């Protein structure tokens, strides 16, 4: 696994330590998910907006390690099935919806 450590903005292990997710800084963030036991990249998300300086958009594994969720854009959170890495659903919010 070759990663520029200066680019690592955040990292998360799944609860069973099967996966390691890295949030890599750049013009936009790139999230890479690795199989921890083999150190092989198994999934990459490159369409992730950059957070404002000093802030990180959240990412997490849940339901054991069956699902992975992250803030894909400023107002959008997406959930992926870790068995297939297919998008399960995304939810968006708008600041215009405030009363």
N, C-alpha and C. Protein backbone atom coordinates (compact mmCIF):
# COMPACT_ATOMS: atom_id res chain seq x y z
N UNK A 1 0.85 -1.16 0.00
CA UNK A 1 0.00 0.00 0.00
C UNK A 1 0.91 1.23 0.00
N UNK A 2 0.90 1.96 -1.10
CA UNK A 2 1.72 3.16 -1.20
C UNK A 2 0.82 4.39 -1.15
N UNK A 3 0.94 5.16 -0.09
CA UNK A 3 0.12 6.35 0.10
C UNK A 3 1.03 7.46 0.60
N UNK A 4 0.86 8.65 0.05
CA UNK A 4 1.58 9.82 0.55
C UNK A 4 0.97 10.18 1.90
N UNK A 5 1.69 9.95 2.97
CA UNK A 5 1.15 10.16 4.31
C UNK A 5 0.81 11.62 4.58
N UNK A 6 1.46 12.54 3.90
CA UNK A 6 1.13 13.95 4.07
C UNK A 6 -0.26 14.26 3.54
N UNK A 7 -0.79 13.41 2.65
CA UNK A 7 -2.10 13.63 2.07
C UNK A 7 -3.22 13.04 2.91
N UNK A 8 -2.92 12.22 3.91
CA UNK A 8 -3.95 11.58 4.72
C UNK A 8 -4.59 12.61 5.65
N UNK A 9 -5.88 12.91 5.39
CA UNK A 9 -6.61 13.87 6.21
C UNK A 9 -7.36 13.18 7.34
N UNK A 10 -7.75 11.92 7.12
CA UNK A 10 -8.52 11.18 8.13
C UNK A 10 -8.44 9.71 7.80
N UNK A 11 -8.65 8.86 8.80
CA UNK A 11 -8.69 7.41 8.57
C UNK A 11 -9.66 6.76 9.54
N UNK A 12 -10.26 5.65 9.09
CA UNK A 12 -11.20 4.90 9.92
C UNK A 12 -11.00 3.41 9.68
N UNK A 13 -10.96 2.66 10.79
CA UNK A 13 -10.98 1.20 10.71
C UNK A 13 -12.42 0.74 10.89
N UNK A 14 -12.78 -0.35 10.22
CA UNK A 14 -14.06 -0.98 10.52
C UNK A 14 -13.94 -1.64 11.88
N UNK A 15 -15.07 -1.91 12.54
CA UNK A 15 -15.03 -2.45 13.90
C UNK A 15 -14.33 -3.80 13.97
N UNK A 16 -14.40 -4.59 12.90
CA UNK A 16 -13.73 -5.90 12.89
C UNK A 16 -12.32 -5.82 12.30
N UNK A 17 -11.86 -4.62 12.01
CA UNK A 17 -10.53 -4.37 11.44
C UNK A 17 -10.32 -5.05 10.09
N UNK A 18 -11.42 -5.31 9.39
CA UNK A 18 -11.31 -5.88 8.05
C UNK A 18 -10.93 -4.80 7.04
N UNK A 19 -11.43 -3.58 7.27
CA UNK A 19 -11.22 -2.48 6.32
C UNK A 19 -10.55 -1.28 6.98
N UNK A 20 -9.77 -0.58 6.18
CA UNK A 20 -9.19 0.70 6.57
C UNK A 20 -9.57 1.70 5.48
N UNK A 21 -10.24 2.77 5.86
CA UNK A 21 -10.62 3.82 4.92
C UNK A 21 -9.74 5.04 5.15
N UNK A 22 -9.16 5.56 4.08
CA UNK A 22 -8.32 6.75 4.14
C UNK A 22 -8.98 7.87 3.37
N UNK A 23 -9.02 9.05 3.96
CA UNK A 23 -9.52 10.25 3.30
C UNK A 23 -8.28 11.05 2.91
N UNK A 24 -8.03 11.14 1.61
CA UNK A 24 -6.81 11.78 1.12
C UNK A 24 -7.12 13.18 0.61
N UNK A 25 -6.39 14.15 1.12
CA UNK A 25 -6.61 15.55 0.77
C UNK A 25 -5.99 15.86 -0.59
N UNK A 26 -6.54 16.83 -1.22
CA UNK A 26 -6.06 17.32 -2.50
C UNK A 26 -7.04 18.39 -2.94
N UNK A 27 -7.12 18.63 -4.25
CA UNK A 27 -8.10 19.59 -4.76
C UNK A 27 -9.49 19.16 -4.29
N UNK A 28 -9.79 17.89 -4.42
CA UNK A 28 -10.97 17.26 -3.83
C UNK A 28 -10.46 16.12 -2.98
N UNK A 29 -11.29 15.64 -2.05
CA UNK A 29 -10.89 14.48 -1.27
C UNK A 29 -11.10 13.22 -2.08
N UNK A 30 -10.26 12.25 -1.83
CA UNK A 30 -10.41 10.92 -2.40
C UNK A 30 -10.45 9.96 -1.23
N UNK A 31 -11.43 9.09 -1.22
CA UNK A 31 -11.51 8.08 -0.18
C UNK A 31 -11.11 6.75 -0.78
N UNK A 32 -10.16 6.11 -0.14
CA UNK A 32 -9.71 4.79 -0.56
C UNK A 32 -9.96 3.81 0.57
N UNK A 33 -10.50 2.65 0.23
CA UNK A 33 -10.78 1.62 1.23
C UNK A 33 -9.87 0.44 0.92
N UNK A 34 -9.19 -0.04 1.96
CA UNK A 34 -8.25 -1.15 1.83
C UNK A 34 -8.72 -2.34 2.63
N UNK A 35 -8.42 -3.54 2.13
CA UNK A 35 -8.57 -4.76 2.92
C UNK A 35 -7.36 -4.77 3.84
N UNK A 36 -7.60 -4.68 5.14
CA UNK A 36 -6.50 -4.53 6.09
C UNK A 36 -5.58 -5.75 6.10
N UNK A 37 -6.12 -6.96 5.94
CA UNK A 37 -5.28 -8.16 6.03
C UNK A 37 -4.36 -8.33 4.82
N UNK A 38 -4.82 -7.89 3.64
CA UNK A 38 -4.00 -8.05 2.43
C UNK A 38 -3.31 -6.76 2.01
N UNK A 39 -3.72 -5.63 2.60
CA UNK A 39 -3.20 -4.30 2.27
C UNK A 39 -3.48 -3.91 0.82
N UNK A 40 -4.51 -4.49 0.23
CA UNK A 40 -4.91 -4.19 -1.15
C UNK A 40 -6.06 -3.20 -1.16
N UNK A 41 -5.99 -2.22 -2.05
CA UNK A 41 -7.11 -1.30 -2.21
C UNK A 41 -8.27 -2.05 -2.83
N UNK A 42 -9.46 -1.92 -2.22
CA UNK A 42 -10.62 -2.64 -2.75
C UNK A 42 -11.70 -1.70 -3.27
N UNK A 43 -11.64 -0.42 -2.89
CA UNK A 43 -12.63 0.53 -3.38
C UNK A 43 -12.05 1.94 -3.31
N UNK A 44 -12.45 2.76 -4.29
CA UNK A 44 -12.00 4.14 -4.32
C UNK A 44 -13.18 5.03 -4.66
N UNK A 45 -13.31 6.13 -3.94
CA UNK A 45 -14.35 7.12 -4.21
C UNK A 45 -13.63 8.42 -4.53
N UNK A 46 -13.76 8.87 -5.78
CA UNK A 46 -13.02 10.06 -6.19
C UNK A 46 -13.89 11.27 -6.40
N UNK A 47 -15.19 11.12 -6.36
CA UNK A 47 -16.10 12.24 -6.58
C UNK A 47 -16.56 12.80 -5.24
N UNK A 48 -15.59 13.20 -4.41
CA UNK A 48 -15.88 13.67 -3.06
C UNK A 48 -15.43 15.12 -2.95
N UNK A 49 -16.37 16.00 -2.64
CA UNK A 49 -16.01 17.42 -2.50
C UNK A 49 -15.05 17.64 -1.34
N UNK A 50 -14.22 18.62 -1.48
CA UNK A 50 -13.31 18.98 -0.39
C UNK A 50 -14.07 19.77 0.67
N UNK A 51 -13.76 19.49 1.91
CA UNK A 51 -14.34 20.25 3.02
C UNK A 51 -13.59 21.57 3.15
N UNK A 52 -14.20 22.56 3.79
CA UNK A 52 -13.49 23.81 4.03
C UNK A 52 -12.22 23.55 4.85
N UNK A 53 -11.19 24.35 4.69
CA UNK A 53 -9.95 24.14 5.47
C UNK A 53 -10.25 24.03 6.96
N UNK A 54 -9.63 23.05 7.58
CA UNK A 54 -9.80 22.85 9.01
C UNK A 54 -11.00 21.99 9.38
N UNK A 55 -11.77 21.54 8.40
CA UNK A 55 -12.93 20.71 8.65
C UNK A 55 -12.81 19.40 7.87
N UNK A 56 -13.39 18.34 8.40
CA UNK A 56 -13.44 17.06 7.69
C UNK A 56 -14.89 16.62 7.58
N UNK A 57 -15.26 16.12 6.42
CA UNK A 57 -16.55 15.50 6.31
C UNK A 57 -16.44 14.11 6.92
N UNK A 58 -17.47 13.64 7.63
CA UNK A 58 -17.38 12.37 8.35
C UNK A 58 -17.45 11.15 7.43
N UNK A 59 -16.87 10.06 7.92
CA UNK A 59 -17.00 8.75 7.28
C UNK A 59 -16.99 7.71 8.38
N UNK A 60 -17.73 6.60 8.18
CA UNK A 60 -17.82 5.58 9.22
C UNK A 60 -18.25 4.24 8.64
N UNK A 61 -17.87 3.18 9.32
CA UNK A 61 -18.39 1.84 9.05
C UNK A 61 -19.44 1.56 10.11
N UNK A 62 -20.48 0.77 9.76
CA UNK A 62 -21.49 0.43 10.76
C UNK A 62 -22.15 -0.90 10.42
N UNK A 63 -23.03 -1.37 11.31
CA UNK A 63 -23.64 -2.71 11.23
C UNK A 63 -22.53 -3.75 11.07
N UNK A 64 -21.67 -3.81 12.06
CA UNK A 64 -20.47 -4.63 11.94
C UNK A 64 -19.55 -3.90 10.99
N UNK A 65 -19.37 -4.47 9.84
CA UNK A 65 -18.62 -3.80 8.77
C UNK A 65 -19.38 -3.92 7.46
N UNK A 66 -20.69 -4.12 7.53
CA UNK A 66 -21.48 -4.36 6.33
C UNK A 66 -21.75 -3.11 5.51
N UNK A 67 -21.64 -1.94 6.14
CA UNK A 67 -21.94 -0.70 5.43
C UNK A 67 -20.90 0.36 5.74
N UNK A 68 -20.69 1.23 4.75
CA UNK A 68 -19.76 2.33 4.86
C UNK A 68 -20.49 3.59 4.42
N UNK A 69 -20.44 4.62 5.23
CA UNK A 69 -21.12 5.87 4.90
C UNK A 69 -20.13 7.02 4.98
N UNK A 70 -20.32 8.00 4.11
CA UNK A 70 -19.48 9.19 4.17
C UNK A 70 -20.20 10.36 3.54
N UNK A 71 -19.79 11.54 3.92
CA UNK A 71 -20.34 12.76 3.33
C UNK A 71 -19.64 12.96 1.99
N UNK A 72 -20.39 12.73 0.94
CA UNK A 72 -19.84 12.78 -0.41
C UNK A 72 -19.71 14.22 -0.91
N UNK A 73 -20.64 15.01 -0.49
CA UNK A 73 -20.65 16.44 -0.81
C UNK A 73 -21.09 17.22 0.42
N UNK A 74 -21.05 18.52 0.35
CA UNK A 74 -21.40 19.36 1.50
C UNK A 74 -22.75 19.00 2.10
N UNK A 75 -23.73 18.70 1.27
CA UNK A 75 -25.09 18.42 1.75
C UNK A 75 -25.57 17.03 1.37
N UNK A 76 -24.66 16.08 1.19
CA UNK A 76 -25.07 14.73 0.78
C UNK A 76 -24.28 13.67 1.52
N UNK A 77 -24.98 12.71 2.09
CA UNK A 77 -24.35 11.55 2.74
C UNK A 77 -24.80 10.31 1.98
N UNK A 78 -23.85 9.43 1.64
CA UNK A 78 -24.15 8.21 0.90
C UNK A 78 -23.72 6.99 1.70
N UNK A 79 -24.48 5.91 1.54
CA UNK A 79 -24.22 4.63 2.22
C UNK A 79 -23.94 3.57 1.16
N UNK A 80 -22.89 2.79 1.38
CA UNK A 80 -22.48 1.73 0.46
C UNK A 80 -22.44 0.39 1.17
N UNK A 81 -22.86 -0.66 0.47
CA UNK A 81 -22.78 -2.02 0.97
C UNK A 81 -21.33 -2.49 0.77
N UNK A 82 -20.66 -2.93 1.83
CA UNK A 82 -19.24 -3.30 1.71
C UNK A 82 -19.02 -4.67 1.08
N UNK A 83 -20.08 -5.43 0.86
CA UNK A 83 -19.93 -6.73 0.17
C UNK A 83 -19.83 -6.51 -1.34
N UNK A 84 -20.62 -5.55 -1.85
CA UNK A 84 -20.66 -5.29 -3.29
C UNK A 84 -20.10 -3.92 -3.66
N UNK A 85 -19.98 -3.03 -2.70
CA UNK A 85 -19.59 -1.63 -2.86
C UNK A 85 -20.55 -0.87 -3.77
N UNK A 86 -21.78 -1.36 -3.84
CA UNK A 86 -22.82 -0.62 -4.55
C UNK A 86 -23.46 0.38 -3.61
N UNK A 87 -23.86 1.50 -4.19
CA UNK A 87 -24.53 2.53 -3.39
C UNK A 87 -25.89 2.00 -2.94
N UNK A 88 -26.14 2.05 -1.64
CA UNK A 88 -27.43 1.63 -1.10
C UNK A 88 -28.42 2.78 -1.16
N UNK A 89 -28.01 3.96 -0.71
CA UNK A 89 -28.83 5.16 -0.81
C UNK A 89 -28.00 6.39 -0.46
N UNK A 90 -28.50 7.52 -0.88
CA UNK A 90 -27.91 8.81 -0.54
C UNK A 90 -29.03 9.71 -0.04
N UNK A 91 -28.71 10.57 0.88
CA UNK A 91 -29.66 11.55 1.37
C UNK A 91 -29.03 12.93 1.25
N UNK A 92 -29.82 13.86 0.77
CA UNK A 92 -29.34 15.23 0.61
C UNK A 92 -30.18 16.17 1.46
N UNK A 93 -29.56 17.24 1.89
CA UNK A 93 -30.29 18.28 2.59
C UNK A 93 -29.92 19.60 1.96
N UNK A 94 -30.77 20.54 2.13
CA UNK A 94 -30.50 21.86 1.58
C UNK A 94 -30.63 22.88 2.68
N UNK A 95 -29.72 23.83 2.71
CA UNK A 95 -29.82 24.90 3.72
C UNK A 95 -31.00 25.80 3.43
N UNK A 96 -31.54 25.71 2.22
CA UNK A 96 -32.71 26.52 1.87
C UNK A 96 -33.98 26.00 2.53
N UNK A 97 -33.96 24.76 3.08
CA UNK A 97 -35.14 24.18 3.68
C UNK A 97 -35.39 24.68 5.10
N UNK A 98 -34.51 25.51 5.65
CA UNK A 98 -34.65 25.99 7.02
C UNK A 98 -35.87 26.91 7.15
N UNK A 99 -36.55 26.79 8.28
CA UNK A 99 -37.72 27.67 8.55
C UNK A 99 -37.26 28.99 9.10
